[in-house]
Amino acid sequence: MTDTSQPVSLLGLPGSLRRDSYAKAVLAGLQADLAPDIRLEIGSIDLPLYNQDLDGHAALPAVDAFRQAIAAAAGVVIVSPEYNYGIPGPLKNALDWASRPYGKAALIGKPALVITTSPAFTGGVRAQDQIHGTLLAIGARLAGGPQIVIGSVADKIADGRLVDRASLDFATAAIRRMTAEIGAR
């Protein structure tokens, strides 16, 4: 059983490197909307391209910090756009770094929730499937429940964060389900 006096600490990963990305805005909206017993830290996926030659005994400092942030979190919330019907390259790259060292990666067994966004009405549903596949290959524990896709995302952002009440309620309910599962372990 988890100590309920401390907030559950989650790591939010935006699937885009763009400074004013919709993914970061969704994470900022969720961060502001979550109950005090859930803390969402927004991380970064700005990492060099994965190269096994650079992934020896001493990882690059940015990679080491990224892996440590994942390890320290009780769960991960990934919010990603869909690029050309699929997972954005920077997010796939970050997940490749997070999948190592083989058999000992911080994502193994880690609860993970995926939210996708798109200016289109489809909300990034194709990218969601690819991200799920990558997380399953790594050994992360996907949060159950319906897929969270936010279509027409540009219309749901104000002042750098998600403000659409229906989207916030749907996503925060999924985060609460994931943290309840974490607390039950």
N, C-alpha and C. Protein backbone atom coordinates (compact mmCIF):
# COMPACT_ATOMS: atom_id res chain seq x y z
N MET A 1 0.83 -1.17 0.00
CA MET A 1 0.00 0.00 0.00
C MET A 1 0.88 1.25 0.00
N THR A 2 0.51 2.24 -0.79
CA THR A 2 1.28 3.47 -0.90
C THR A 2 0.91 4.43 0.21
N ASP A 3 1.87 5.25 0.65
CA ASP A 3 1.63 6.27 1.67
C ASP A 3 0.71 7.34 1.09
N THR A 4 -0.49 7.47 1.62
CA THR A 4 -1.47 8.41 1.08
C THR A 4 -1.26 9.83 1.58
N SER A 5 -0.33 10.06 2.52
CA SER A 5 -0.08 11.42 2.99
C SER A 5 0.77 12.21 1.99
N GLN A 6 1.46 11.53 1.12
CA GLN A 6 2.28 12.16 0.09
C GLN A 6 1.53 12.13 -1.24
N PRO A 7 1.61 13.23 -2.02
CA PRO A 7 0.95 13.18 -3.32
C PRO A 7 1.61 12.15 -4.24
N VAL A 8 0.82 11.57 -5.11
CA VAL A 8 1.35 10.66 -6.12
C VAL A 8 2.07 11.53 -7.15
N SER A 9 3.30 11.19 -7.44
CA SER A 9 4.13 11.99 -8.34
C SER A 9 4.14 11.35 -9.73
N LEU A 10 3.68 12.12 -10.72
CA LEU A 10 3.64 11.65 -12.10
C LEU A 10 4.57 12.52 -12.95
N LEU A 11 5.11 11.92 -14.00
CA LEU A 11 5.94 12.64 -14.95
C LEU A 11 5.14 12.80 -16.24
N GLY A 12 4.94 14.03 -16.66
CA GLY A 12 4.27 14.31 -17.92
C GLY A 12 5.29 14.52 -19.01
N LEU A 13 5.15 13.77 -20.09
CA LEU A 13 6.08 13.88 -21.22
C LEU A 13 5.34 14.40 -22.45
N PRO A 14 5.69 15.61 -22.91
CA PRO A 14 5.09 16.11 -24.15
C PRO A 14 5.77 15.45 -25.34
N GLY A 15 5.00 15.00 -26.29
CA GLY A 15 5.55 14.29 -27.45
C GLY A 15 6.04 15.21 -28.54
N SER A 16 6.24 16.47 -28.24
CA SER A 16 6.69 17.45 -29.21
C SER A 16 7.78 18.30 -28.61
N LEU A 17 8.68 18.76 -29.46
CA LEU A 17 9.74 19.66 -29.00
C LEU A 17 9.36 21.13 -29.17
N ARG A 18 8.27 21.41 -29.84
CA ARG A 18 7.84 22.78 -30.11
C ARG A 18 7.59 23.51 -28.80
N ARG A 19 8.12 24.72 -28.67
CA ARG A 19 8.02 25.49 -27.43
C ARG A 19 6.56 25.67 -26.99
N ASP A 20 5.69 26.03 -27.89
CA ASP A 20 4.28 26.26 -27.56
C ASP A 20 3.40 25.12 -28.09
N SER A 21 3.85 23.91 -27.89
CA SER A 21 3.12 22.76 -28.43
C SER A 21 1.79 22.55 -27.72
N TYR A 22 0.87 21.96 -28.44
CA TYR A 22 -0.42 21.60 -27.85
C TYR A 22 -0.22 20.55 -26.76
N ALA A 23 0.74 19.66 -26.95
CA ALA A 23 1.01 18.63 -25.94
C ALA A 23 1.40 19.26 -24.61
N LYS A 24 2.28 20.25 -24.64
CA LYS A 24 2.66 20.95 -23.41
C LYS A 24 1.47 21.70 -22.83
N ALA A 25 0.64 22.28 -23.69
CA ALA A 25 -0.54 23.01 -23.20
C ALA A 25 -1.53 22.06 -22.52
N VAL A 26 -1.68 20.86 -23.06
CA VAL A 26 -2.56 19.87 -22.43
C VAL A 26 -1.99 19.50 -21.06
N LEU A 27 -0.69 19.24 -21.00
CA LEU A 27 -0.08 18.90 -19.71
C LEU A 27 -0.22 20.05 -18.71
N ALA A 28 -0.06 21.28 -19.16
CA ALA A 28 -0.21 22.43 -18.27
C ALA A 28 -1.65 22.53 -17.76
N GLY A 29 -2.62 22.27 -18.62
CA GLY A 29 -4.01 22.29 -18.19
C GLY A 29 -4.31 21.20 -17.18
N LEU A 30 -3.77 20.01 -17.42
CA LEU A 30 -3.95 18.91 -16.48
C LEU A 30 -3.27 19.21 -15.15
N GLN A 31 -2.06 19.75 -15.22
CA GLN A 31 -1.31 20.08 -14.01
C GLN A 31 -2.11 21.04 -13.12
N ALA A 32 -2.75 22.01 -13.73
CA ALA A 32 -3.53 23.00 -12.98
C ALA A 32 -4.85 22.42 -12.48
N ASP A 33 -5.35 21.38 -13.14
CA ASP A 33 -6.69 20.85 -12.84
C ASP A 33 -6.69 19.66 -11.88
N LEU A 34 -5.53 19.04 -11.68
CA LEU A 34 -5.49 17.84 -10.84
C LEU A 34 -5.65 18.17 -9.36
N ALA A 35 -6.20 17.23 -8.65
CA ALA A 35 -6.37 17.38 -7.20
C ALA A 35 -5.00 17.47 -6.53
N PRO A 36 -4.94 18.05 -5.33
CA PRO A 36 -3.65 18.21 -4.64
C PRO A 36 -2.95 16.90 -4.30
N ASP A 37 -3.66 15.77 -4.31
CA ASP A 37 -3.01 14.50 -3.99
C ASP A 37 -2.29 13.88 -5.19
N ILE A 38 -2.30 14.61 -6.33
CA ILE A 38 -1.58 14.15 -7.53
C ILE A 38 -0.70 15.30 -8.01
N ARG A 39 0.59 15.03 -8.10
CA ARG A 39 1.54 16.04 -8.59
C ARG A 39 2.02 15.62 -9.97
N LEU A 40 1.90 16.51 -10.95
CA LEU A 40 2.33 16.24 -12.32
C LEU A 40 3.48 17.18 -12.67
N GLU A 41 4.65 16.61 -12.82
CA GLU A 41 5.85 17.35 -13.23
C GLU A 41 5.96 17.23 -14.75
N ILE A 42 6.14 18.34 -15.43
CA ILE A 42 6.26 18.30 -16.89
C ILE A 42 7.73 18.19 -17.26
N GLY A 43 8.07 17.10 -17.94
CA GLY A 43 9.45 16.84 -18.34
C GLY A 43 9.71 17.25 -19.78
N SER A 44 10.83 16.80 -20.29
CA SER A 44 11.25 17.13 -21.65
C SER A 44 11.76 15.87 -22.35
N ILE A 45 11.55 15.84 -23.65
CA ILE A 45 12.09 14.73 -24.46
C ILE A 45 13.17 15.24 -25.41
N ASP A 46 13.75 16.39 -25.10
CA ASP A 46 14.78 16.98 -25.95
C ASP A 46 16.10 16.25 -25.69
N LEU A 47 16.29 15.16 -26.42
CA LEU A 47 17.45 14.28 -26.24
C LEU A 47 18.15 14.07 -27.58
N PRO A 48 19.44 13.72 -27.54
CA PRO A 48 20.11 13.39 -28.81
C PRO A 48 19.51 12.13 -29.42
N LEU A 49 19.74 11.94 -30.71
CA LEU A 49 19.25 10.73 -31.35
C LEU A 49 19.86 9.50 -30.68
N TYR A 50 19.02 8.48 -30.51
CA TYR A 50 19.51 7.26 -29.86
C TYR A 50 20.64 6.66 -30.68
N ASN A 51 21.72 6.33 -29.99
CA ASN A 51 22.87 5.69 -30.60
C ASN A 51 23.45 4.77 -29.54
N GLN A 52 23.39 3.49 -29.78
CA GLN A 52 23.86 2.52 -28.79
C GLN A 52 25.33 2.74 -28.43
N ASP A 53 26.10 3.31 -29.36
CA ASP A 53 27.51 3.58 -29.06
C ASP A 53 27.65 4.61 -27.94
N LEU A 54 26.64 5.46 -27.75
CA LEU A 54 26.68 6.49 -26.70
C LEU A 54 26.00 6.02 -25.42
N ASP A 55 25.52 4.81 -25.43
CA ASP A 55 24.73 4.31 -24.31
C ASP A 55 25.48 3.20 -23.58
N GLY A 56 26.67 3.53 -23.11
CA GLY A 56 27.49 2.55 -22.40
C GLY A 56 27.29 2.61 -20.91
N HIS A 57 28.35 2.40 -20.18
CA HIS A 57 28.29 2.38 -18.71
C HIS A 57 27.88 3.73 -18.13
N ALA A 58 28.30 4.80 -18.74
CA ALA A 58 27.94 6.14 -18.26
C ALA A 58 27.10 6.82 -19.34
N ALA A 59 25.82 6.93 -19.08
CA ALA A 59 24.91 7.55 -20.04
C ALA A 59 25.20 9.05 -20.14
N LEU A 60 24.81 9.63 -21.26
CA LEU A 60 24.92 11.08 -21.43
C LEU A 60 24.12 11.76 -20.31
N PRO A 61 24.58 12.91 -19.82
CA PRO A 61 23.89 13.56 -18.70
C PRO A 61 22.39 13.80 -18.95
N ALA A 62 22.02 14.27 -20.14
CA ALA A 62 20.59 14.52 -20.42
C ALA A 62 19.79 13.21 -20.40
N VAL A 63 20.38 12.16 -20.91
CA VAL A 63 19.72 10.86 -20.92
C VAL A 63 19.60 10.31 -19.51
N ASP A 64 20.66 10.44 -18.74
CA ASP A 64 20.64 9.97 -17.35
C ASP A 64 19.56 10.71 -16.56
N ALA A 65 19.46 12.02 -16.73
CA ALA A 65 18.44 12.81 -16.02
C ALA A 65 17.04 12.39 -16.46
N PHE A 66 16.86 12.12 -17.74
CA PHE A 66 15.57 11.67 -18.27
C PHE A 66 15.19 10.33 -17.65
N ARG A 67 16.10 9.40 -17.64
CA ARG A 67 15.83 8.08 -17.07
C ARG A 67 15.55 8.17 -15.56
N GLN A 68 16.29 9.02 -14.86
CA GLN A 68 16.07 9.19 -13.43
C GLN A 68 14.70 9.80 -13.14
N ALA A 69 14.27 10.75 -13.98
CA ALA A 69 12.95 11.36 -13.80
C ALA A 69 11.86 10.31 -13.95
N ILE A 70 12.01 9.42 -14.92
CA ILE A 70 11.04 8.33 -15.10
C ILE A 70 11.06 7.41 -13.89
N ALA A 71 12.24 7.04 -13.44
CA ALA A 71 12.37 6.13 -12.30
C ALA A 71 11.76 6.72 -11.04
N ALA A 72 11.90 8.03 -10.85
CA ALA A 72 11.40 8.68 -9.63
C ALA A 72 9.88 8.85 -9.62
N ALA A 73 9.28 8.83 -10.78
CA ALA A 73 7.83 9.04 -10.87
C ALA A 73 7.08 7.74 -10.61
N ALA A 74 5.89 7.87 -10.03
CA ALA A 74 5.04 6.70 -9.81
C ALA A 74 4.38 6.25 -11.10
N GLY A 75 4.27 7.16 -12.06
CA GLY A 75 3.67 6.84 -13.35
C GLY A 75 4.01 7.93 -14.35
N VAL A 76 3.74 7.64 -15.62
CA VAL A 76 4.07 8.56 -16.70
C VAL A 76 2.80 8.87 -17.49
N VAL A 77 2.62 10.16 -17.80
CA VAL A 77 1.52 10.62 -18.66
C VAL A 77 2.16 11.19 -19.91
N ILE A 78 1.92 10.55 -21.04
CA ILE A 78 2.48 11.00 -22.31
C ILE A 78 1.36 11.69 -23.08
N VAL A 79 1.62 12.93 -23.50
CA VAL A 79 0.67 13.67 -24.34
C VAL A 79 1.40 13.95 -25.64
N SER A 80 0.84 13.48 -26.74
CA SER A 80 1.56 13.55 -28.00
C SER A 80 0.68 13.97 -29.17
N PRO A 81 1.27 14.73 -30.08
CA PRO A 81 0.57 14.96 -31.34
C PRO A 81 0.71 13.73 -32.23
N GLU A 82 0.03 13.77 -33.35
CA GLU A 82 0.18 12.75 -34.38
C GLU A 82 0.82 13.43 -35.58
N TYR A 83 1.95 12.90 -36.03
CA TYR A 83 2.62 13.43 -37.21
C TYR A 83 2.50 12.42 -38.34
N ASN A 84 1.90 12.83 -39.43
CA ASN A 84 1.78 11.98 -40.61
C ASN A 84 1.26 10.59 -40.27
N TYR A 85 0.18 10.55 -39.51
CA TYR A 85 -0.50 9.31 -39.10
C TYR A 85 0.32 8.48 -38.13
N GLY A 86 1.26 9.08 -37.42
CA GLY A 86 2.06 8.25 -36.53
C GLY A 86 2.70 8.99 -35.38
N ILE A 87 3.57 8.26 -34.67
CA ILE A 87 4.28 8.75 -33.50
C ILE A 87 5.35 9.76 -33.94
N PRO A 88 5.46 10.90 -33.27
CA PRO A 88 6.51 11.87 -33.61
C PRO A 88 7.89 11.28 -33.36
N GLY A 89 8.83 11.61 -34.24
CA GLY A 89 10.20 11.11 -34.10
C GLY A 89 10.84 11.40 -32.76
N PRO A 90 10.74 12.63 -32.24
CA PRO A 90 11.37 12.90 -30.94
C PRO A 90 10.81 12.04 -29.80
N LEU A 91 9.51 11.75 -29.84
CA LEU A 91 8.94 10.90 -28.78
C LEU A 91 9.43 9.47 -28.93
N LYS A 92 9.44 8.94 -30.14
CA LYS A 92 9.95 7.58 -30.36
C LYS A 92 11.40 7.49 -29.90
N ASN A 93 12.18 8.52 -30.22
CA ASN A 93 13.58 8.56 -29.81
C ASN A 93 13.69 8.53 -28.28
N ALA A 94 12.88 9.35 -27.59
CA ALA A 94 12.93 9.38 -26.13
C ALA A 94 12.55 8.03 -25.54
N LEU A 95 11.54 7.39 -26.12
CA LEU A 95 11.13 6.07 -25.62
C LEU A 95 12.22 5.04 -25.88
N ASP A 96 12.95 5.18 -26.98
CA ASP A 96 14.08 4.28 -27.23
C ASP A 96 15.15 4.45 -26.15
N TRP A 97 15.48 5.70 -25.78
CA TRP A 97 16.42 5.92 -24.69
C TRP A 97 15.88 5.34 -23.39
N ALA A 98 14.57 5.52 -23.16
CA ALA A 98 13.95 5.04 -21.92
C ALA A 98 13.85 3.53 -21.86
N SER A 99 14.02 2.86 -22.99
CA SER A 99 13.91 1.39 -23.02
C SER A 99 15.20 0.70 -22.60
N ARG A 100 16.21 1.46 -22.32
CA ARG A 100 17.52 0.92 -21.97
C ARG A 100 17.89 1.30 -20.55
N PRO A 101 18.78 0.60 -19.89
CA PRO A 101 19.43 -0.61 -20.35
C PRO A 101 18.43 -1.78 -20.45
N TYR A 102 18.67 -2.60 -21.41
CA TYR A 102 17.78 -3.72 -21.69
C TYR A 102 17.55 -4.54 -20.43
N GLY A 103 16.28 -4.79 -20.14
CA GLY A 103 15.91 -5.60 -18.98
C GLY A 103 15.90 -4.84 -17.66
N LYS A 104 16.41 -3.61 -17.66
CA LYS A 104 16.48 -2.82 -16.42
C LYS A 104 15.95 -1.41 -16.61
N ALA A 105 15.25 -1.16 -17.70
CA ALA A 105 14.76 0.19 -18.02
C ALA A 105 13.77 0.68 -16.97
N ALA A 106 13.80 1.96 -16.71
CA ALA A 106 12.91 2.58 -15.72
C ALA A 106 11.44 2.46 -16.10
N LEU A 107 11.15 2.27 -17.37
CA LEU A 107 9.76 2.14 -17.81
C LEU A 107 9.18 0.74 -17.60
N ILE A 108 10.00 -0.24 -17.31
CA ILE A 108 9.49 -1.60 -17.13
C ILE A 108 8.58 -1.63 -15.91
N GLY A 109 7.35 -2.02 -16.12
CA GLY A 109 6.36 -2.09 -15.05
C GLY A 109 5.80 -0.75 -14.62
N LYS A 110 6.24 0.33 -15.22
CA LYS A 110 5.80 1.68 -14.84
C LYS A 110 4.42 1.95 -15.45
N PRO A 111 3.45 2.39 -14.65
CA PRO A 111 2.15 2.76 -15.20
C PRO A 111 2.31 3.91 -16.19
N ALA A 112 1.65 3.80 -17.33
CA ALA A 112 1.75 4.82 -18.38
C ALA A 112 0.37 5.08 -18.98
N LEU A 113 0.07 6.34 -19.12
CA LEU A 113 -1.18 6.79 -19.73
C LEU A 113 -0.83 7.61 -20.96
N VAL A 114 -1.51 7.36 -22.06
CA VAL A 114 -1.24 8.07 -23.31
C VAL A 114 -2.45 8.90 -23.68
N ILE A 115 -2.18 10.16 -24.00
CA ILE A 115 -3.18 11.10 -24.50
C ILE A 115 -2.64 11.62 -25.82
N THR A 116 -3.46 11.63 -26.86
CA THR A 116 -3.00 12.19 -28.12
C THR A 116 -3.88 13.35 -28.53
N THR A 117 -3.28 14.24 -29.32
CA THR A 117 -3.96 15.45 -29.76
C THR A 117 -3.78 15.64 -31.25
N SER A 118 -4.69 16.40 -31.83
CA SER A 118 -4.56 16.75 -33.23
C SER A 118 -5.47 17.93 -33.54
N PRO A 119 -5.06 18.78 -34.47
CA PRO A 119 -5.98 19.80 -34.95
C PRO A 119 -7.16 19.17 -35.69
N ALA A 120 -6.97 17.95 -36.19
CA ALA A 120 -8.05 17.23 -36.87
C ALA A 120 -9.01 16.64 -35.84
N PHE A 121 -10.20 16.29 -36.26
CA PHE A 121 -11.20 15.74 -35.34
C PHE A 121 -10.82 14.36 -34.81
N THR A 122 -9.90 13.67 -35.48
CA THR A 122 -9.53 12.31 -35.07
C THR A 122 -8.68 12.28 -33.79
N GLY A 123 -8.09 13.39 -33.41
CA GLY A 123 -7.39 13.48 -32.13
C GLY A 123 -6.12 12.67 -32.00
N GLY A 124 -5.55 12.21 -33.09
CA GLY A 124 -4.28 11.48 -33.01
C GLY A 124 -4.41 10.01 -32.69
N VAL A 125 -5.54 9.42 -33.03
CA VAL A 125 -5.81 8.03 -32.67
C VAL A 125 -4.79 7.05 -33.27
N ARG A 126 -4.26 7.35 -34.44
CA ARG A 126 -3.28 6.44 -35.05
C ARG A 126 -1.95 6.49 -34.31
N ALA A 127 -1.55 7.67 -33.86
CA ALA A 127 -0.31 7.78 -33.08
C ALA A 127 -0.47 7.05 -31.75
N GLN A 128 -1.67 7.13 -31.18
CA GLN A 128 -1.90 6.47 -29.89
C GLN A 128 -1.61 4.98 -29.99
N ASP A 129 -2.07 4.36 -31.05
CA ASP A 129 -1.84 2.94 -31.24
C ASP A 129 -0.34 2.63 -31.33
N GLN A 130 0.41 3.46 -32.05
CA GLN A 130 1.85 3.22 -32.18
C GLN A 130 2.58 3.44 -30.86
N ILE A 131 2.18 4.46 -30.11
CA ILE A 131 2.80 4.71 -28.80
C ILE A 131 2.52 3.54 -27.86
N HIS A 132 1.28 3.06 -27.87
CA HIS A 132 0.94 1.89 -27.05
C HIS A 132 1.83 0.71 -27.40
N GLY A 133 2.02 0.46 -28.70
CA GLY A 133 2.86 -0.66 -29.13
C GLY A 133 4.29 -0.53 -28.63
N THR A 134 4.84 0.67 -28.69
CA THR A 134 6.20 0.90 -28.21
C THR A 134 6.28 0.69 -26.70
N LEU A 135 5.31 1.23 -25.96
CA LEU A 135 5.30 1.06 -24.50
C LEU A 135 5.16 -0.40 -24.10
N LEU A 136 4.33 -1.14 -24.81
CA LEU A 136 4.18 -2.57 -24.53
C LEU A 136 5.48 -3.32 -24.79
N ALA A 137 6.19 -2.95 -25.86
CA ALA A 137 7.47 -3.61 -26.17
C ALA A 137 8.49 -3.33 -25.08
N ILE A 138 8.45 -2.15 -24.48
CA ILE A 138 9.38 -1.79 -23.41
C ILE A 138 9.03 -2.52 -22.12
N GLY A 139 7.75 -2.80 -21.92
CA GLY A 139 7.32 -3.46 -20.69
C GLY A 139 6.62 -2.52 -19.73
N ALA A 140 6.23 -1.33 -20.21
CA ALA A 140 5.46 -0.42 -19.36
C ALA A 140 4.09 -1.02 -19.13
N ARG A 141 3.42 -0.56 -18.10
CA ARG A 141 2.08 -1.05 -17.76
C ARG A 141 1.06 -0.01 -18.21
N LEU A 142 0.40 -0.25 -19.34
CA LEU A 142 -0.55 0.71 -19.88
C LEU A 142 -1.76 0.84 -18.97
N ALA A 143 -2.16 2.08 -18.74
CA ALA A 143 -3.36 2.34 -17.95
C ALA A 143 -4.58 1.90 -18.76
N GLY A 144 -5.49 1.22 -18.12
CA GLY A 144 -6.69 0.75 -18.80
C GLY A 144 -7.70 1.87 -18.98
N GLY A 145 -8.73 1.56 -19.72
CA GLY A 145 -9.80 2.52 -19.96
C GLY A 145 -9.83 2.98 -21.40
N PRO A 146 -10.79 3.81 -21.70
CA PRO A 146 -10.92 4.28 -23.09
C PRO A 146 -9.74 5.15 -23.50
N GLN A 147 -9.46 5.16 -24.81
CA GLN A 147 -8.39 6.02 -25.31
C GLN A 147 -8.77 7.48 -25.10
N ILE A 148 -7.76 8.28 -24.79
CA ILE A 148 -7.99 9.71 -24.62
C ILE A 148 -7.38 10.41 -25.83
N VAL A 149 -8.25 10.90 -26.68
CA VAL A 149 -7.84 11.64 -27.86
C VAL A 149 -8.53 13.00 -27.83
N ILE A 150 -7.76 14.03 -28.12
CA ILE A 150 -8.30 15.38 -28.09
C ILE A 150 -8.23 15.95 -29.50
N GLY A 151 -9.35 15.89 -30.20
CA GLY A 151 -9.45 16.44 -31.54
C GLY A 151 -9.72 17.93 -31.49
N SER A 152 -9.47 18.60 -32.61
CA SER A 152 -9.66 20.06 -32.71
C SER A 152 -8.98 20.77 -31.54
N VAL A 153 -7.80 20.31 -31.20
CA VAL A 153 -7.11 20.77 -29.99
C VAL A 153 -6.85 22.27 -29.99
N ALA A 154 -6.60 22.86 -31.14
CA ALA A 154 -6.30 24.30 -31.18
C ALA A 154 -7.45 25.13 -30.62
N ASP A 155 -8.66 24.65 -30.78
CA ASP A 155 -9.84 25.36 -30.27
C ASP A 155 -10.04 25.17 -28.78
N LYS A 156 -9.24 24.32 -28.15
CA LYS A 156 -9.43 23.96 -26.74
C LYS A 156 -8.31 24.47 -25.84
N ILE A 157 -7.44 25.31 -26.41
CA ILE A 157 -6.28 25.85 -25.70
C ILE A 157 -6.47 27.36 -25.54
N ALA A 158 -6.17 27.86 -24.35
CA ALA A 158 -6.15 29.31 -24.11
C ALA A 158 -5.03 29.62 -23.13
N ASP A 159 -4.30 30.67 -23.40
CA ASP A 159 -3.21 31.10 -22.52
C ASP A 159 -2.23 29.98 -22.21
N GLY A 160 -1.92 29.15 -23.21
CA GLY A 160 -0.90 28.13 -23.04
C GLY A 160 -1.32 26.88 -22.30
N ARG A 161 -2.64 26.69 -22.14
CA ARG A 161 -3.07 25.45 -21.49
C ARG A 161 -4.45 25.02 -21.95
N LEU A 162 -4.69 23.71 -21.81
CA LEU A 162 -5.98 23.13 -22.15
C LEU A 162 -7.03 23.69 -21.21
N VAL A 163 -8.14 24.19 -21.78
CA VAL A 163 -9.22 24.75 -20.96
C VAL A 163 -10.56 24.09 -21.24
N ASP A 164 -10.60 23.20 -22.20
CA ASP A 164 -11.86 22.53 -22.55
C ASP A 164 -12.28 21.60 -21.41
N ARG A 165 -13.38 21.92 -20.77
CA ARG A 165 -13.82 21.19 -19.58
C ARG A 165 -14.05 19.72 -19.85
N ALA A 166 -14.70 19.37 -20.96
CA ALA A 166 -14.97 17.96 -21.25
C ALA A 166 -13.66 17.17 -21.41
N SER A 167 -12.70 17.73 -22.11
CA SER A 167 -11.41 17.05 -22.30
C SER A 167 -10.66 16.93 -20.98
N LEU A 168 -10.65 18.00 -20.19
CA LEU A 168 -9.99 17.95 -18.89
C LEU A 168 -10.62 16.91 -17.97
N ASP A 169 -11.94 16.89 -17.92
CA ASP A 169 -12.63 15.92 -17.05
C ASP A 169 -12.33 14.49 -17.47
N PHE A 170 -12.36 14.23 -18.77
CA PHE A 170 -12.12 12.89 -19.28
C PHE A 170 -10.68 12.45 -18.96
N ALA A 171 -9.72 13.34 -19.20
CA ALA A 171 -8.31 13.01 -18.96
C ALA A 171 -8.00 12.89 -17.47
N THR A 172 -8.52 13.80 -16.66
CA THR A 172 -8.23 13.71 -15.22
C THR A 172 -8.87 12.48 -14.60
N ALA A 173 -10.02 12.06 -15.11
CA ALA A 173 -10.63 10.82 -14.61
C ALA A 173 -9.71 9.63 -14.89
N ALA A 174 -9.10 9.62 -16.06
CA ALA A 174 -8.16 8.53 -16.40
C ALA A 174 -6.93 8.59 -15.50
N ILE A 175 -6.45 9.78 -15.23
CA ILE A 175 -5.29 9.92 -14.33
C ILE A 175 -5.65 9.46 -12.93
N ARG A 176 -6.84 9.81 -12.46
CA ARG A 176 -7.28 9.34 -11.14
C ARG A 176 -7.38 7.83 -11.09
N ARG A 177 -7.88 7.20 -12.16
CA ARG A 177 -7.94 5.74 -12.19
C ARG A 177 -6.54 5.14 -12.11
N MET A 178 -5.61 5.73 -12.86
CA MET A 178 -4.24 5.23 -12.86
C MET A 178 -3.61 5.40 -11.47
N THR A 179 -3.80 6.55 -10.84
CA THR A 179 -3.19 6.76 -9.51
C THR A 179 -3.86 5.91 -8.45
N ALA A 180 -5.15 5.62 -8.60
CA ALA A 180 -5.81 4.70 -7.65
C ALA A 180 -5.20 3.32 -7.77
N GLU A 181 -4.90 2.90 -8.98
CA GLU A 181 -4.25 1.61 -9.19
C GLU A 181 -2.84 1.61 -8.60
N ILE A 182 -2.14 2.73 -8.76
CA ILE A 182 -0.80 2.84 -8.18
C ILE A 182 -0.89 2.73 -6.66
N GLY A 183 -1.87 3.42 -6.06
CA GLY A 183 -2.04 3.40 -4.62
C GLY A 183 -2.43 2.06 -4.07
N ALA A 184 -3.07 1.23 -4.89
CA ALA A 184 -3.51 -0.10 -4.44
C ALA A 184 -2.36 -1.11 -4.44
N ARG A 185 -1.27 -0.76 -5.05
CA ARG A 185 -0.13 -1.69 -5.14
C ARG A 185 0.73 -1.65 -3.91
